[in-house]
Amino acid sequence: MKKTNDNEQEEMTLKGWLYFGLFLALCCLVIAIAYALTQIVFGGWLLDLFGVS
């Protein structure tokens, strides 16, 4: 009985990590899109501000 419970617990943990990874990937994607949009909208003034270009 205890063994099946442990397996369920482990499965839940793996699923939790999977969702956490997906959440992080989604956040990175949103940040990348927002950054790209600001670059397009403001004509890259952020890069000029930091003296990159």
PDB file of N, CA and C in Angstrom:
ATOM      1  N   MET A   1       0.843  -1.205   0.000  1.00  0.00           N
ATOM      2  CA  MET A   1       0.000   0.000   0.000  1.00  0.00           C
ATOM      3  C   MET A   1       0.877   1.254   0.000  1.00  0.00           C
ATOM      4  N   LYS A   2       1.899   1.223   0.850  1.00  0.00           N
ATOM      5  CA  LYS A   2       2.764   2.402   0.971  1.00  0.00           C
ATOM      6  C   LYS A   2       3.554   2.653  -0.319  1.00  0.00           C
ATOM      7  N   LYS A   3       3.937   1.555  -0.991  1.00  0.00           N
ATOM      8  CA  LYS A   3       4.755   1.679  -2.205  1.00  0.00           C
ATOM      9  C   LYS A   3       4.003   2.431  -3.316  1.00  0.00           C
ATOM     10  N   THR A   4       2.731   2.094  -3.510  1.00  0.00           N
ATOM     11  CA  THR A   4       1.930   2.778  -4.533  1.00  0.00           C
ATOM     12  C   THR A   4       1.788   4.254  -4.190  1.00  0.00           C
ATOM     13  N   ASN A   5       1.647   4.542  -2.909  1.00  0.00           N
ATOM     14  CA  ASN A   5       1.533   5.933  -2.461  1.00  0.00           C
ATOM     15  C   ASN A   5       2.804   6.708  -2.796  1.00  0.00           C
ATOM     16  N   ASP A   6       3.954   6.086  -2.576  1.00  0.00           N
ATOM     17  CA  ASP A   6       5.236   6.718  -2.903  1.00  0.00           C
ATOM     18  C   ASP A   6       5.339   6.992  -4.401  1.00  0.00           C
ATOM     19  N   ASN A   7       4.905   6.014  -5.204  1.00  0.00           N
ATOM     20  CA  ASN A   7       4.941   6.190  -6.655  1.00  0.00           C
ATOM     21  C   ASN A   7       4.044   7.345  -7.090  1.00  0.00           C
ATOM     22  N   GLU A   8       2.871   7.438  -6.495  1.00  0.00           N
ATOM     23  CA  GLU A   8       1.959   8.539  -6.805  1.00  0.00           C
ATOM     24  C   GLU A   8       2.592   9.868  -6.426  1.00  0.00           C
ATOM     25  N   GLN A   9       3.203   9.905  -5.267  1.00  0.00           N
ATOM     26  CA  GLN A   9       3.870  11.118  -4.781  1.00  0.00           C
ATOM     27  C   GLN A   9       4.970  11.538  -5.752  1.00  0.00           C
ATOM     28  N   GLU A  10       5.754  10.558  -6.191  1.00  0.00           N
ATOM     29  CA  GLU A  10       6.856  10.825  -7.111  1.00  0.00           C
ATOM     30  C   GLU A  10       6.320  11.348  -8.446  1.00  0.00           C
ATOM     31  N   GLU A  11       5.236  10.740  -8.917  1.00  0.00           N
ATOM     32  CA  GLU A  11       4.614  11.157 -10.172  1.00  0.00           C
ATOM     33  C   GLU A  11       4.118  12.599 -10.064  1.00  0.00           C
ATOM     34  N   MET A  12       3.519  12.927  -8.928  1.00  0.00           N
ATOM     35  CA  MET A  12       3.036  14.289  -8.696  1.00  0.00           C
ATOM     36  C   MET A  12       4.198  15.279  -8.720  1.00  0.00           C
ATOM     37  N   THR A  13       5.323  14.900  -8.110  1.00  0.00           N
ATOM     38  CA  THR A  13       6.497  15.775  -8.073  1.00  0.00           C
ATOM     39  C   THR A  13       7.035  16.012  -9.481  1.00  0.00           C
ATOM     40  N   LEU A  14       7.124  14.930 -10.267  1.00  0.00           N
ATOM     41  CA  LEU A  14       7.607  15.045 -11.644  1.00  0.00           C
ATOM     42  C   LEU A  14       6.684  15.936 -12.460  1.00  0.00           C
ATOM     43  N   LYS A  15       5.378  15.751 -12.273  1.00  0.00           N
ATOM     44  CA  LYS A  15       4.396  16.565 -12.980  1.00  0.00           C
ATOM     45  C   LYS A  15       4.522  18.021 -12.555  1.00  0.00           C
ATOM     46  N   GLY A  16       4.770  18.233 -11.281  1.00  0.00           N
ATOM     47  CA  GLY A  16       4.952  19.588 -10.759  1.00  0.00           C
ATOM     48  C   GLY A  16       6.153  20.271 -11.384  1.00  0.00           C
ATOM     49  N   TRP A  17       7.266  19.539 -11.482  1.00  0.00           N
ATOM     50  CA  TRP A  17       8.473  20.088 -12.109  1.00  0.00           C
ATOM     51  C   TRP A  17       8.238  20.380 -13.582  1.00  0.00           C
ATOM     52  N   LEU A  18       7.471  19.487 -14.245  1.00  0.00           N
ATOM     53  CA  LEU A  18       7.162  19.669 -15.664  1.00  0.00           C
ATOM     54  C   LEU A  18       6.377  20.958 -15.873  1.00  0.00           C
ATOM     55  N   TYR A  19       5.334  21.158 -15.057  1.00  0.00           N
ATOM     56  CA  TYR A  19       4.540  22.383 -15.160  1.00  0.00           C
ATOM     57  C   TYR A  19       5.374  23.612 -14.825  1.00  0.00           C
ATOM     58  N   PHE A  20       6.256  23.480 -13.852  1.00  0.00           N
ATOM     59  CA  PHE A  20       7.136  24.584 -13.458  1.00  0.00           C
ATOM     60  C   PHE A  20       8.054  24.971 -14.620  1.00  0.00           C
ATOM     61  N   GLY A  21       8.601  23.962 -15.295  1.00  0.00           N
ATOM     62  CA  GLY A  21       9.457  24.194 -16.457  1.00  0.00           C
ATOM     63  C   GLY A  21       8.698  24.871 -17.587  1.00  0.00           C
ATOM     64  N   LEU A  22       7.475  24.406 -17.836  1.00  0.00           N
ATOM     65  CA  LEU A  22       6.636  25.012 -18.870  1.00  0.00           C
ATOM     66  C   LEU A  22       6.322  26.456 -18.524  1.00  0.00           C
ATOM     67  N   PHE A  23       6.041  26.713 -17.244  1.00  0.00           N
ATOM     68  CA  PHE A  23       5.744  28.067 -16.775  1.00  0.00           C
ATOM     69  C   PHE A  23       6.939  28.997 -16.993  1.00  0.00           C
ATOM     70  N   LEU A  24       8.132  28.515 -16.658  1.00  0.00           N
ATOM     71  CA  LEU A  24       9.349  29.305 -16.861  1.00  0.00           C
ATOM     72  C   LEU A  24       9.578  29.598 -18.341  1.00  0.00           C
ATOM     73  N   ALA A  25       9.379  28.578 -19.184  1.00  0.00           N
ATOM     74  CA  ALA A  25       9.553  28.745 -20.627  1.00  0.00           C
ATOM     75  C   ALA A  25       8.572  29.785 -21.159  1.00  0.00           C
ATOM     76  N   LEU A  26       7.340  29.730 -20.664  1.00  0.00           N
ATOM     77  CA  LEU A  26       6.307  30.682 -21.082  1.00  0.00           C
ATOM     78  C   LEU A  26       6.689  32.099 -20.671  1.00  0.00           C
ATOM     79  N   CYS A  27       7.194  32.249 -19.453  1.00  0.00           N
ATOM     80  CA  CYS A  27       7.633  33.567 -18.972  1.00  0.00           C
ATOM     81  C   CYS A  27       8.751  34.116 -19.852  1.00  0.00           C
ATOM     82  N   CYS A  28       9.722  33.284 -20.174  1.00  0.00           N
ATOM     83  CA  CYS A  28      10.834  33.704 -21.037  1.00  0.00           C
ATOM     84  C   CYS A  28      10.325  34.132 -22.399  1.00  0.00           C
ATOM     85  N   LEU A  29       9.360  33.378 -22.935  1.00  0.00           N
ATOM     86  CA  LEU A  29       8.782  33.691 -24.240  1.00  0.00           C
ATOM     87  C   LEU A  29       8.076  35.040 -24.207  1.00  0.00           C
ATOM     88  N   VAL A  30       7.280  35.270 -23.163  1.00  0.00           N
ATOM     89  CA  VAL A  30       6.560  36.537 -23.011  1.00  0.00           C
ATOM     90  C   VAL A  30       7.534  37.706 -22.916  1.00  0.00           C
ATOM     91  N   ILE A  31       8.596  37.541 -22.120  1.00  0.00           N
ATOM     92  CA  ILE A  31       9.607  38.598 -21.969  1.00  0.00           C
ATOM     93  C   ILE A  31      10.296  38.871 -23.305  1.00  0.00           C
ATOM     94  N   ALA A  32      10.631  37.802 -24.037  1.00  0.00           N
ATOM     95  CA  ALA A  32      11.291  37.958 -25.339  1.00  0.00           C
ATOM     96  C   ALA A  32      10.394  38.703 -26.323  1.00  0.00           C
ATOM     97  N   ILE A  33       9.109  38.350 -26.354  1.00  0.00           N
ATOM     98  CA  ILE A  33       8.158  39.017 -27.249  1.00  0.00           C
ATOM     99  C   ILE A  33       7.994  40.477 -26.856  1.00  0.00           C
ATOM    100  N   ALA A  34       7.852  40.737 -25.565  1.00  0.00           N
ATOM    101  CA  ALA A  34       7.701  42.114 -25.085  1.00  0.00           C
ATOM    102  C   ALA A  34       8.934  42.945 -25.440  1.00  0.00           C
ATOM    103  N   TYR A  35      10.115  42.357 -25.296  1.00  0.00           N
ATOM    104  CA  TYR A  35      11.367  43.046 -25.626  1.00  0.00           C
ATOM    105  C   TYR A  35      11.427  43.353 -27.123  1.00  0.00           C
ATOM    106  N   ALA A  36      11.067  42.359 -27.941  1.00  0.00           N
ATOM    107  CA  ALA A  36      11.065  42.548 -29.395  1.00  0.00           C
ATOM    108  C   ALA A  36      10.081  43.650 -29.789  1.00  0.00           C
ATOM    109  N   LEU A  37       8.908  43.652 -29.177  1.00  0.00           N
ATOM    110  CA  LEU A  37       7.905  44.678 -29.473  1.00  0.00           C
ATOM    111  C   LEU A  37       8.396  46.063 -29.093  1.00  0.00           C
ATOM    112  N   THR A  38       9.018  46.187 -27.940  1.00  0.00           N
ATOM    113  CA  THR A  38       9.536  47.499 -27.526  1.00  0.00           C
ATOM    114  C   THR A  38      10.625  47.959 -28.486  1.00  0.00           C
ATOM    115  N   GLN A  39      11.449  47.027 -28.957  1.00  0.00           N
ATOM    116  CA  GLN A  39      12.503  47.376 -29.918  1.00  0.00           C
ATOM    117  C   GLN A  39      11.896  47.899 -31.214  1.00  0.00           C
ATOM    118  N   ILE A  40      10.827  47.246 -31.672  1.00  0.00           N
ATOM    119  CA  ILE A  40      10.162  47.665 -32.908  1.00  0.00           C
ATOM    120  C   ILE A  40       9.452  49.005 -32.710  1.00  0.00           C
ATOM    121  N   VAL A  41       8.693  49.114 -31.622  1.00  0.00           N
ATOM    122  CA  VAL A  41       7.893  50.320 -31.373  1.00  0.00           C
ATOM    123  C   VAL A  41       8.762  51.541 -31.120  1.00  0.00           C
ATOM    124  N   PHE A  42       9.779  51.399 -30.286  1.00  0.00           N
ATOM    125  CA  PHE A  42      10.607  52.551 -29.919  1.00  0.00           C
ATOM    126  C   PHE A  42      11.845  52.715 -30.799  1.00  0.00           C
ATOM    127  N   GLY A  43      11.975  51.877 -31.833  1.00  0.00           N
ATOM    128  CA  GLY A  43      13.069  52.023 -32.782  1.00  0.00           C
ATOM    129  C   GLY A  43      14.439  51.771 -32.173  1.00  0.00           C
ATOM    130  N   GLY A  44      14.509  50.919 -31.160  1.00  0.00           N
ATOM    131  CA  GLY A  44      15.798  50.550 -30.581  1.00  0.00           C
ATOM    132  C   GLY A  44      16.442  51.635 -29.725  1.00  0.00           C
ATOM    133  N   TRP A  45      15.626  52.530 -29.161  1.00  0.00           N
ATOM    134  CA  TRP A  45      16.214  53.584 -28.314  1.00  0.00           C
ATOM    135  C   TRP A  45      16.802  53.014 -27.030  1.00  0.00           C
ATOM    136  N   LEU A  46      16.323  51.838 -26.622  1.00  0.00           N
ATOM    137  CA  LEU A  46      16.893  51.185 -25.434  1.00  0.00           C
ATOM    138  C   LEU A  46      18.352  50.817 -25.673  1.00  0.00           C
ATOM    139  N   LEU A  47      18.641  50.310 -26.874  1.00  0.00           N
ATOM    140  CA  LEU A  47      20.028  49.962 -27.213  1.00  0.00           C
ATOM    141  C   LEU A  47      20.894  51.215 -27.239  1.00  0.00           C
ATOM    142  N   ASP A  48      20.366  52.294 -27.794  1.00  0.00           N
ATOM    143  CA  ASP A  48      21.102  53.562 -27.822  1.00  0.00           C
ATOM    144  C   ASP A  48      21.358  54.067 -26.404  1.00  0.00           C
ATOM    145  N   LEU A  49      20.352  53.872 -25.548  1.00  0.00           N
ATOM    146  CA  LEU A  49      20.439  54.324 -24.162  1.00  0.00           C
ATOM    147  C   LEU A  49      21.615  53.651 -23.451  1.00  0.00           C
ATOM    148  N   PHE A  50      21.776  52.337 -23.699  1.00  0.00           N
ATOM    149  CA  PHE A  50      22.864  51.594 -23.064  1.00  0.00           C
ATOM    150  C   PHE A  50      24.143  51.609 -23.895  1.00  0.00           C
ATOM    151  N   GLY A  51      24.088  52.275 -25.045  1.00  0.00           N
ATOM    152  CA  GLY A  51      25.276  52.397 -25.885  1.00  0.00           C
ATOM    153  C   GLY A  51      25.720  51.088 -26.514  1.00  0.00           C
ATOM    154  N   VAL A  52      24.772  50.197 -26.791  1.00  0.00           N
ATOM    155  CA  VAL A  52      25.124  48.905 -27.382  1.00  0.00           C
ATOM    156  C   VAL A  52      25.393  49.053 -28.875  1.00  0.00           C
ATOM    157  N   SER A  53      24.476  49.739 -29.578  1.00  0.00           N
ATOM    158  CA  SER A  53      24.625  49.839 -31.038  1.00  0.00           C
ATOM    159  C   SER A  53      25.590  50.965 -31.390  1.00  0.00           C
TER     160      SER A  53
END
